[in-house]
Amino acid sequence: MSFATYYMHLIFGRIPSLMNSDVILYILPALTISILFLSLKIMFFKTPKLRKVK
């Protein structure tokens, strides 16, 4: 078991059983893809305006 899997079990093990464990399999990839998309959007489409060096 990897460290990431171990810590995910610790984190999600404390969530009450309102959420089924199968729901986590859908939420985590969607969350990862959305964070990746937002970071790429910020990097390439909303780049900060750089000042010219004097």
C-alpha atoms as a PDB file:
ATOM      1  CA  MET A   1       0.000   0.000   0.000  1.00  0.00           C
ATOM      2  CA  SER A   2       1.438   3.366  -0.965  1.00  0.00           C
ATOM      3  CA  PHE A   3       1.612   6.353   1.352  1.00  0.00           C
ATOM      4  CA  ALA A   4      -1.050   8.196  -0.653  1.00  0.00           C
ATOM      5  CA  THR A   5      -3.445   5.268  -0.405  1.00  0.00           C
ATOM      6  CA  TYR A   6      -2.775   4.937   3.310  1.00  0.00           C
ATOM      7  CA  TYR A   7      -3.499   8.598   3.999  1.00  0.00           C
ATOM      8  CA  MET A   8      -6.582   8.539   1.763  1.00  0.00           C
ATOM      9  CA  HIS A   9      -7.888   5.644   3.871  1.00  0.00           C
ATOM     10  CA  LEU A  10      -7.251   7.681   7.006  1.00  0.00           C
ATOM     11  CA  ILE A  11      -8.983  10.775   5.628  1.00  0.00           C
ATOM     12  CA  PHE A  12     -11.965   9.120   3.982  1.00  0.00           C
ATOM     13  CA  GLY A  13     -12.358   6.534   6.737  1.00  0.00           C
ATOM     14  CA  ARG A  14     -13.520   9.283   9.069  1.00  0.00           C
ATOM     15  CA  ILE A  15     -16.287  10.438   6.708  1.00  0.00           C
ATOM     16  CA  PRO A  16     -19.632   9.093   7.923  1.00  0.00           C
ATOM     17  CA  SER A  17     -21.204   6.335   5.921  1.00  0.00           C
ATOM     18  CA  LEU A  18     -23.543   8.815   4.205  1.00  0.00           C
ATOM     19  CA  MET A  19     -21.233   8.577   1.229  1.00  0.00           C
ATOM     20  CA  ASN A  20     -20.673   5.180  -0.265  1.00  0.00           C
ATOM     21  CA  SER A  21     -17.070   4.199  -0.946  1.00  0.00           C
ATOM     22  CA  ASP A  22     -17.920   3.936  -4.664  1.00  0.00           C
ATOM     23  CA  VAL A  23     -18.783   7.640  -4.736  1.00  0.00           C
ATOM     24  CA  ILE A  24     -15.188   8.485  -3.792  1.00  0.00           C
ATOM     25  CA  LEU A  25     -13.980   6.660  -6.900  1.00  0.00           C
ATOM     26  CA  TYR A  26     -15.958   9.144  -8.994  1.00  0.00           C
ATOM     27  CA  ILE A  27     -15.264  12.284  -6.948  1.00  0.00           C
ATOM     28  CA  LEU A  28     -11.461  12.026  -6.725  1.00  0.00           C
ATOM     29  CA  PRO A  29     -10.747  11.779 -10.481  1.00  0.00           C
ATOM     30  CA  ALA A  30     -13.258  14.546 -11.210  1.00  0.00           C
ATOM     31  CA  LEU A  31     -11.636  16.738  -8.564  1.00  0.00           C
ATOM     32  CA  THR A  32      -8.162  15.996  -9.930  1.00  0.00           C
ATOM     33  CA  ILE A  33      -9.153  16.781 -13.513  1.00  0.00           C
ATOM     34  CA  SER A  34     -10.880  20.003 -12.480  1.00  0.00           C
ATOM     35  CA  ILE A  35      -7.819  21.189 -10.523  1.00  0.00           C
ATOM     36  CA  LEU A  36      -5.590  20.330 -13.484  1.00  0.00           C
ATOM     37  CA  PHE A  37      -7.883  22.157 -15.916  1.00  0.00           C
ATOM     38  CA  LEU A  38      -8.072  25.241 -13.717  1.00  0.00           C
ATOM     39  CA  SER A  39      -4.303  25.369 -13.253  1.00  0.00           C
ATOM     40  CA  LEU A  40      -3.709  25.018 -17.002  1.00  0.00           C
ATOM     41  CA  LYS A  41      -6.298  27.721 -17.635  1.00  0.00           C
ATOM     42  CA  ILE A  42      -4.547  30.084 -15.238  1.00  0.00           C
ATOM     43  CA  MET A  43      -1.100  29.277 -16.657  1.00  0.00           C
ATOM     44  CA  PHE A  44      -1.922  29.712 -20.339  1.00  0.00           C
ATOM     45  CA  PHE A  45      -4.985  31.925 -20.656  1.00  0.00           C
ATOM     46  CA  LYS A  46      -4.752  34.287 -17.686  1.00  0.00           C
ATOM     47  CA  THR A  47      -1.028  34.861 -17.589  1.00  0.00           C
ATOM     48  CA  PRO A  48       0.084  37.841 -15.526  1.00  0.00           C
ATOM     49  CA  LYS A  49       1.284  40.871 -17.417  1.00  0.00           C
ATOM     50  CA  LEU A  50       5.032  41.153 -17.090  1.00  0.00           C
ATOM     51  CA  ARG A  51       6.777  44.485 -16.857  1.00  0.00           C
ATOM     52  CA  LYS A  52       9.626  45.312 -19.201  1.00  0.00           C
ATOM     53  CA  VAL A  53      13.092  45.381 -17.706  1.00  0.00           C
ATOM     54  CA  LYS A  54      14.635  48.878 -17.809  1.00  0.00           C
END
